Amino acid sequence: MRHTILIALVSLVIFSCKKDSFSSTPSLKYKSVNVNVLSPGEVVKFKLSFTDAEGDLDSIYIEKVNPSCAKSHTVDRYYLSDNIVKLKSKSDELLISFGYRVDRYPLIGEPKCDFNDTCYFRFALLDKAKHKSDTVRSENIVIIKQ
């Protein structure tokens, strides 16, 4: 009887201790943004989280979409380095920042039409093996035209 209980306890411990298992294809989740209206001199910060089994992230695609003004539409690819994300990390957060006429930040792109940009952003990760994450989307952000 004692052996049966001991075997049951050992089995329970072995099967309940499960390691974190991440897919080889990166997973990306949109978490938040710090502003919903962006004026000149301000910075917008998008918070994302990711997982990747190998921790071999290569780049992130960022698309700015304004359904009312096709001229404001942009797609950019940014290569990731250790100062952006801890490379080889299998799970972490990303903070993506853009400035609107702010030095030392990538530019967000000013409105190209004669009105404010009401836009949203889409993000997708690519790893070194060319696996692409699902695309995640931000809420709408208004970029004030001046």
Protein backbone atom coordinates (compact mmCIF):
# COMPACT_ATOMS: atom_id res chain seq x y z
CA MET A 1 0.00 0.00 0.00
CA ARG A 2 2.84 2.40 0.88
CA HIS A 3 4.48 1.72 -2.48
CA THR A 4 1.25 2.55 -4.30
CA ILE A 5 0.94 5.87 -2.47
CA LEU A 6 4.63 6.65 -3.06
CA ILE A 7 4.32 5.88 -6.78
CA ALA A 8 1.18 8.02 -6.99
CA LEU A 9 2.92 10.96 -5.27
CA VAL A 10 6.02 10.71 -7.47
CA SER A 11 3.83 10.54 -10.59
CA LEU A 12 1.85 13.55 -9.43
CA VAL A 13 5.03 15.58 -8.89
CA ILE A 14 6.52 14.59 -12.24
CA PHE A 15 3.40 15.32 -14.27
CA SER A 16 2.47 18.52 -12.44
CA CYS A 17 5.90 20.10 -12.94
CA LYS A 18 5.47 21.35 -16.48
CA LYS A 19 8.08 23.54 -18.11
CA ASP A 20 7.08 26.68 -19.97
CA SER A 21 6.45 25.61 -23.52
CA PHE A 22 6.45 28.24 -26.23
CA SER A 23 5.90 27.78 -29.92
CA SER A 24 8.68 28.21 -32.49
CA THR A 25 6.42 30.78 -34.13
CA PRO A 26 6.57 34.02 -32.13
CA SER A 27 3.45 34.99 -30.24
CA LEU A 28 2.66 38.69 -29.85
CA LYS A 29 0.06 40.36 -27.62
CA TYR A 30 -0.95 44.00 -27.58
CA LYS A 31 -1.23 45.34 -24.03
CA SER A 32 -1.69 49.13 -23.98
CA VAL A 33 -0.83 52.60 -25.25
CA ASN A 34 -0.07 55.63 -23.09
CA VAL A 35 -2.10 58.25 -25.03
CA ASN A 36 -5.17 58.34 -27.26
CA VAL A 37 -4.58 61.88 -28.59
CA LEU A 38 -1.06 62.83 -29.69
CA SER A 39 0.03 66.46 -30.10
CA PRO A 40 3.38 67.83 -31.31
CA GLY A 41 6.08 67.45 -28.66
CA GLU A 42 4.58 64.25 -27.23
CA VAL A 43 5.65 60.60 -27.32
CA VAL A 44 3.37 57.62 -27.89
CA LYS A 45 4.39 54.33 -26.22
CA PHE A 46 2.90 50.98 -27.19
CA LYS A 47 3.33 48.11 -24.74
CA LEU A 48 3.43 44.60 -26.24
CA SER A 49 4.44 41.20 -24.89
CA PHE A 50 5.88 38.23 -26.76
CA THR A 51 6.91 34.60 -26.46
CA ASP A 52 9.24 32.65 -28.75
CA ALA A 53 10.61 29.15 -28.08
CA GLU A 54 14.10 29.85 -29.42
CA GLY A 55 14.33 33.50 -28.40
CA ASP A 56 15.66 34.37 -31.86
CA LEU A 57 13.67 37.50 -32.66
CA ASP A 58 14.86 39.40 -35.71
CA SER A 59 12.53 42.32 -36.41
CA ILE A 60 9.13 43.89 -35.91
CA TYR A 61 6.82 45.21 -38.61
CA ILE A 62 4.82 48.30 -37.69
CA GLU A 63 2.01 49.52 -39.90
CA LYS A 64 0.22 52.84 -39.41
CA VAL A 65 -3.31 52.71 -40.86
CA ASN A 66 -5.57 55.71 -41.38
CA PRO A 67 -8.74 54.54 -43.14
CA SER A 68 -9.63 58.15 -44.07
CA CYS A 69 -6.26 59.15 -45.55
CA ALA A 70 -4.27 56.65 -47.61
CA LYS A 71 -1.34 59.11 -47.81
CA SER A 72 -0.74 58.66 -44.06
CA HIS A 73 -0.40 54.87 -44.40
CA THR A 74 3.11 53.57 -43.58
CA VAL A 75 4.77 50.18 -43.11
CA ASP A 76 8.20 49.96 -41.50
CA ARG A 77 10.46 47.13 -40.40
CA TYR A 78 12.67 47.66 -37.37
CA TYR A 79 15.49 45.24 -36.57
CA LEU A 80 15.63 44.30 -32.92
CA SER A 81 18.82 44.59 -30.92
CA ASP A 82 19.80 44.14 -27.28
CA ASN A 83 18.99 47.76 -26.47
CA ILE A 84 15.37 47.19 -27.60
CA VAL A 85 14.69 43.69 -26.26
CA LYS A 86 16.80 41.17 -24.38
CA LEU A 87 17.71 38.96 -27.30
CA LYS A 88 17.57 35.25 -26.57
CA SER A 89 14.71 36.00 -24.19
CA LYS A 90 11.84 33.59 -24.70
CA SER A 91 9.25 35.81 -23.05
CA ASP A 92 9.36 39.53 -22.40
CA GLU A 93 7.71 42.89 -22.95
CA LEU A 94 8.40 45.33 -25.76
CA LEU A 95 7.93 49.07 -25.40
CA ILE A 96 7.66 50.70 -28.84
CA SER A 97 7.95 54.51 -28.75
CA PHE A 98 7.47 57.18 -31.41
CA GLY A 99 7.84 60.92 -31.08
CA TYR A 100 5.77 63.62 -32.75
CA ARG A 101 8.42 66.28 -33.39
CA VAL A 102 10.49 64.96 -30.47
CA ASP A 103 14.26 64.48 -30.79
CA ARG A 104 15.81 61.06 -30.05
CA TYR A 105 12.66 59.12 -30.97
CA PRO A 106 11.66 57.57 -34.28
CA LEU A 107 9.17 59.88 -35.95
CA ILE A 108 5.52 58.85 -35.96
CA GLY A 109 4.75 60.63 -39.20
CA GLU A 110 2.67 63.76 -39.34
CA PRO A 111 -0.85 63.79 -40.80
CA LYS A 112 -0.66 63.92 -44.61
CA CYS A 113 -4.23 65.08 -45.26
CA ASP A 114 -5.95 68.33 -44.25
CA PHE A 115 -7.30 66.92 -40.99
CA ASN A 116 -6.17 65.03 -37.88
CA ASP A 117 -5.02 61.44 -38.36
CA THR A 118 -7.37 59.01 -36.66
CA CYS A 119 -5.30 55.90 -37.07
CA TYR A 120 -4.37 52.59 -35.53
CA PHE A 121 -1.17 50.58 -35.58
CA ARG A 122 -0.57 46.93 -36.43
CA PHE A 123 2.44 44.98 -35.18
CA ALA A 124 3.98 41.63 -36.19
CA LEU A 125 7.21 39.92 -35.12
CA LEU A 126 9.59 37.97 -37.34
CA ASP A 127 12.25 35.63 -35.98
CA LYS A 128 15.55 34.61 -37.57
CA ALA A 129 13.96 31.41 -38.95
CA LYS A 130 11.40 33.65 -40.76
CA HIS A 131 8.49 32.57 -38.55
CA LYS A 132 5.98 35.42 -38.36
CA SER A 133 3.69 36.09 -35.41
CA ASP A 134 0.03 36.93 -35.66
CA THR A 135 -0.66 40.61 -36.28
CA VAL A 136 -1.95 42.59 -33.30
CA ARG A 137 -3.69 45.94 -33.44
CA SER A 138 -3.78 49.03 -31.23
CA GLU A 139 -6.85 51.06 -30.45
CA ASN A 140 -7.43 54.27 -32.43
CA ILE A 141 -5.08 57.18 -31.82
CA VAL A 142 -5.69 60.74 -32.99
CA ILE A 143 -2.58 62.58 -34.23
CA ILE A 144 -3.31 66.31 -34.14
CA LYS A 145 -2.48 68.15 -37.38
CA GLN A 146 -0.63 71.45 -36.96
